[in-house]
Amino acid sequence: MRKFLFFLLSLVSLAARPSDDEIVGVRITRAQGGLPDNNVREIYQDSVGFMYFSTHYSSYRYDGYAFSYVPDSVVQPLRLAAAR
């Protein structure tokens, strides 16, 4: 009976495992990673996949490797789209 339960639990755990397409990687970054401070006020993503972070000082685009400064005029359409 125990072998059967072990087998059944093994099957259930394999069936519940997410596929490779569902696994999401998370990277934690801080001010040392390129942002001027750790207080992020807004986060947006554009249609290409770039992430935009607005801090108290300004806005930055993250391409998956590094942060780069972007003017607020670039982020403003993302804010308007998110508000809809």
N, C-alpha and C. Protein backbone atom coordinates (compact mmCIF):
# COMPACT_ATOMS: atom_id res chain seq x y z
N MET A 1 0.82 -1.20 0.00
CA MET A 1 0.00 0.00 0.00
C MET A 1 0.86 1.26 0.00
N ARG A 2 1.95 1.25 0.79
CA ARG A 2 2.82 2.43 0.84
C ARG A 2 3.49 2.68 -0.50
N LYS A 3 3.87 1.61 -1.18
CA LYS A 3 4.50 1.78 -2.49
C LYS A 3 3.52 2.40 -3.47
N PHE A 4 2.27 1.99 -3.40
CA PHE A 4 1.25 2.55 -4.27
C PHE A 4 1.04 4.03 -3.98
N LEU A 5 0.97 4.41 -2.71
CA LEU A 5 0.81 5.82 -2.35
C LEU A 5 2.00 6.65 -2.80
N PHE A 6 3.21 6.10 -2.63
CA PHE A 6 4.41 6.80 -3.08
C PHE A 6 4.38 7.01 -4.59
N PHE A 7 3.97 5.96 -5.32
CA PHE A 7 3.87 6.05 -6.77
C PHE A 7 2.83 7.09 -7.17
N LEU A 8 1.69 7.09 -6.49
CA LEU A 8 0.63 8.04 -6.79
C LEU A 8 1.07 9.48 -6.51
N LEU A 9 1.72 9.70 -5.39
CA LEU A 9 2.22 11.05 -5.08
C LEU A 9 3.29 11.49 -6.07
N SER A 10 4.12 10.58 -6.52
CA SER A 10 5.14 10.90 -7.52
C SER A 10 4.49 11.35 -8.82
N LEU A 11 3.46 10.63 -9.22
CA LEU A 11 2.75 11.00 -10.45
C LEU A 11 2.10 12.38 -10.33
N VAL A 12 1.49 12.64 -9.21
CA VAL A 12 0.83 13.93 -8.99
C VAL A 12 1.86 15.06 -9.00
N SER A 13 3.00 14.86 -8.38
CA SER A 13 4.02 15.91 -8.34
C SER A 13 4.58 16.18 -9.72
N LEU A 14 4.72 15.16 -10.55
CA LEU A 14 5.20 15.37 -11.92
C LEU A 14 4.17 16.09 -12.76
N ALA A 15 2.91 15.77 -12.57
CA ALA A 15 1.84 16.40 -13.34
C ALA A 15 1.67 17.87 -12.94
N ALA A 16 1.97 18.20 -11.68
CA ALA A 16 1.79 19.56 -11.20
C ALA A 16 2.97 20.46 -11.53
N ARG A 17 4.06 19.89 -12.04
CA ARG A 17 5.26 20.67 -12.37
C ARG A 17 4.96 21.59 -13.55
N PRO A 18 5.31 22.88 -13.46
CA PRO A 18 5.06 23.78 -14.59
C PRO A 18 5.98 23.45 -15.76
N SER A 19 5.50 23.72 -16.95
CA SER A 19 6.34 23.50 -18.12
C SER A 19 7.42 24.58 -18.17
N ASP A 20 8.40 24.37 -19.04
CA ASP A 20 9.50 25.33 -19.15
C ASP A 20 9.01 26.69 -19.62
N ASP A 21 7.90 26.73 -20.37
CA ASP A 21 7.36 28.00 -20.84
C ASP A 21 6.73 28.81 -19.71
N GLU A 22 6.36 28.14 -18.62
CA GLU A 22 5.70 28.83 -17.52
C GLU A 22 6.66 29.30 -16.44
N ILE A 23 7.91 28.88 -16.50
CA ILE A 23 8.89 29.26 -15.49
C ILE A 23 9.39 30.66 -15.79
N VAL A 24 9.35 31.52 -14.79
CA VAL A 24 9.75 32.91 -14.96
C VAL A 24 10.98 33.17 -14.10
N GLY A 25 11.99 33.78 -14.68
CA GLY A 25 13.17 34.14 -13.92
C GLY A 25 12.99 35.50 -13.28
N VAL A 26 13.50 35.64 -12.09
CA VAL A 26 13.41 36.91 -11.37
C VAL A 26 14.82 37.33 -10.99
N ARG A 27 15.14 38.56 -11.29
CA ARG A 27 16.43 39.11 -10.92
C ARG A 27 16.19 40.31 -10.02
N ILE A 28 16.83 40.34 -8.87
CA ILE A 28 16.69 41.44 -7.94
C ILE A 28 17.86 42.39 -8.14
N THR A 29 17.55 43.67 -8.28
CA THR A 29 18.61 44.66 -8.42
C THR A 29 18.37 45.79 -7.44
N ARG A 30 19.40 46.50 -7.13
CA ARG A 30 19.32 47.61 -6.18
C ARG A 30 20.02 48.82 -6.78
N ALA A 31 20.18 49.85 -5.99
CA ALA A 31 20.82 51.07 -6.48
C ALA A 31 22.21 50.78 -7.03
N GLN A 32 22.90 49.82 -6.46
CA GLN A 32 24.23 49.49 -6.96
C GLN A 32 24.17 48.90 -8.37
N GLY A 33 23.00 48.44 -8.78
CA GLY A 33 22.84 47.84 -10.10
C GLY A 33 22.52 48.83 -11.20
N GLY A 34 22.45 50.11 -10.90
CA GLY A 34 22.22 51.10 -11.93
C GLY A 34 21.14 52.11 -11.66
N LEU A 35 20.21 51.82 -10.77
CA LEU A 35 19.19 52.80 -10.41
C LEU A 35 19.76 53.79 -9.40
N PRO A 36 19.31 55.06 -9.42
CA PRO A 36 19.85 56.03 -8.49
C PRO A 36 19.42 55.81 -7.04
N ASP A 37 18.28 55.13 -6.84
CA ASP A 37 17.86 54.80 -5.48
C ASP A 37 17.00 53.54 -5.51
N ASN A 38 16.69 53.03 -4.35
CA ASN A 38 15.91 51.79 -4.25
C ASN A 38 14.41 52.02 -4.22
N ASN A 39 13.96 53.27 -4.27
CA ASN A 39 12.54 53.59 -4.19
C ASN A 39 11.95 53.74 -5.58
N VAL A 40 11.40 52.67 -6.10
CA VAL A 40 10.76 52.68 -7.42
C VAL A 40 9.30 53.02 -7.23
N ARG A 41 8.83 54.02 -7.95
CA ARG A 41 7.44 54.46 -7.81
C ARG A 41 6.51 53.80 -8.82
N GLU A 42 6.99 53.55 -10.02
CA GLU A 42 6.16 52.95 -11.06
C GLU A 42 7.00 52.00 -11.90
N ILE A 43 6.34 50.96 -12.42
CA ILE A 43 6.99 50.02 -13.31
C ILE A 43 6.06 49.81 -14.50
N TYR A 44 6.62 49.89 -15.70
CA TYR A 44 5.86 49.67 -16.93
C TYR A 44 6.65 48.76 -17.83
N GLN A 45 5.94 48.10 -18.76
CA GLN A 45 6.59 47.29 -19.78
C GLN A 45 6.00 47.69 -21.12
N ASP A 46 6.86 47.90 -22.12
CA ASP A 46 6.36 48.26 -23.43
C ASP A 46 6.10 47.01 -24.26
N SER A 47 5.64 47.19 -25.49
CA SER A 47 5.27 46.07 -26.34
C SER A 47 6.47 45.24 -26.78
N VAL A 48 7.66 45.81 -26.73
CA VAL A 48 8.87 45.09 -27.11
C VAL A 48 9.41 44.24 -25.96
N GLY A 49 9.05 44.61 -24.73
CA GLY A 49 9.49 43.86 -23.56
C GLY A 49 10.42 44.62 -22.64
N PHE A 50 10.81 45.85 -23.02
CA PHE A 50 11.64 46.65 -22.13
C PHE A 50 10.86 47.04 -20.89
N MET A 51 11.52 47.06 -19.76
CA MET A 51 10.90 47.46 -18.50
C MET A 51 11.33 48.89 -18.19
N TYR A 52 10.38 49.72 -17.75
CA TYR A 52 10.65 51.10 -17.40
C TYR A 52 10.36 51.29 -15.92
N PHE A 53 11.31 51.91 -15.22
CA PHE A 53 11.21 52.13 -13.79
C PHE A 53 11.27 53.63 -13.53
N SER A 54 10.28 54.15 -12.85
CA SER A 54 10.28 55.56 -12.46
C SER A 54 10.65 55.66 -11.00
N THR A 55 11.65 56.46 -10.72
CA THR A 55 12.08 56.71 -9.35
C THR A 55 11.77 58.16 -9.00
N HIS A 56 12.16 58.58 -7.83
CA HIS A 56 11.96 59.96 -7.42
C HIS A 56 12.72 60.92 -8.32
N TYR A 57 13.84 60.47 -8.85
CA TYR A 57 14.71 61.34 -9.64
C TYR A 57 14.34 61.39 -11.11
N SER A 58 14.13 60.24 -11.73
CA SER A 58 13.83 60.19 -13.16
C SER A 58 13.40 58.78 -13.55
N SER A 59 13.36 58.51 -14.84
CA SER A 59 12.94 57.20 -15.34
C SER A 59 14.09 56.50 -16.03
N TYR A 60 14.05 55.18 -15.95
CA TYR A 60 15.12 54.36 -16.52
C TYR A 60 14.53 53.17 -17.24
N ARG A 61 15.18 52.78 -18.34
CA ARG A 61 14.77 51.60 -19.09
C ARG A 61 15.74 50.46 -18.78
N TYR A 62 15.18 49.28 -18.55
CA TYR A 62 15.99 48.10 -18.27
C TYR A 62 15.82 47.13 -19.44
N ASP A 63 16.92 46.77 -20.08
CA ASP A 63 16.87 45.89 -21.25
C ASP A 63 17.18 44.43 -20.92
N GLY A 64 17.24 44.11 -19.65
CA GLY A 64 17.57 42.76 -19.23
C GLY A 64 19.01 42.63 -18.78
N TYR A 65 19.81 43.66 -19.08
CA TYR A 65 21.22 43.64 -18.71
C TYR A 65 21.64 44.88 -17.92
N ALA A 66 21.15 46.03 -18.35
CA ALA A 66 21.58 47.28 -17.72
C ALA A 66 20.46 48.31 -17.77
N PHE A 67 20.58 49.30 -16.90
CA PHE A 67 19.64 50.42 -16.87
C PHE A 67 20.20 51.56 -17.69
N SER A 68 19.31 52.28 -18.38
CA SER A 68 19.72 53.49 -19.09
C SER A 68 18.66 54.56 -18.86
N TYR A 69 19.12 55.78 -18.73
CA TYR A 69 18.23 56.92 -18.48
C TYR A 69 17.34 57.14 -19.69
N VAL A 70 16.07 57.43 -19.46
CA VAL A 70 15.15 57.83 -20.52
C VAL A 70 14.39 59.05 -20.04
N PRO A 71 14.10 60.00 -20.94
CA PRO A 71 13.32 61.17 -20.54
C PRO A 71 11.89 60.77 -20.20
N ASP A 72 11.26 61.56 -19.37
CA ASP A 72 9.88 61.26 -18.97
C ASP A 72 8.92 61.26 -20.15
N SER A 73 9.26 61.95 -21.23
CA SER A 73 8.38 61.96 -22.41
C SER A 73 8.27 60.57 -23.03
N VAL A 74 9.25 59.71 -22.82
CA VAL A 74 9.19 58.34 -23.32
C VAL A 74 8.27 57.49 -22.45
N VAL A 75 8.26 57.74 -21.17
CA VAL A 75 7.47 56.95 -20.23
C VAL A 75 6.02 57.41 -20.16
N GLN A 76 5.76 58.66 -20.48
CA GLN A 76 4.40 59.21 -20.36
C GLN A 76 3.36 58.43 -21.16
N PRO A 77 3.62 58.00 -22.42
CA PRO A 77 2.60 57.20 -23.13
C PRO A 77 2.34 55.86 -22.44
N LEU A 78 3.33 55.29 -21.79
CA LEU A 78 3.12 54.04 -21.05
C LEU A 78 2.21 54.27 -19.85
N ARG A 79 2.39 55.41 -19.18
CA ARG A 79 1.52 55.76 -18.05
C ARG A 79 0.08 55.91 -18.50
N LEU A 80 -0.11 56.58 -19.64
CA LEU A 80 -1.47 56.78 -20.14
C LEU A 80 -2.11 55.46 -20.55
N ALA A 81 -1.34 54.58 -21.16
CA ALA A 81 -1.88 53.28 -21.58
C ALA A 81 -2.23 52.43 -20.36
N ALA A 82 -1.44 52.52 -19.31
CA ALA A 82 -1.71 51.73 -18.11
C ALA A 82 -2.93 52.25 -17.36
N ALA A 83 -3.22 53.53 -17.51
CA ALA A 83 -4.35 54.12 -16.79
C ALA A 83 -5.69 53.73 -17.41
N ARG A 84 -5.67 53.26 -18.63
CA ARG A 84 -6.93 52.89 -19.32
C ARG A 84 -7.51 51.64 -18.78
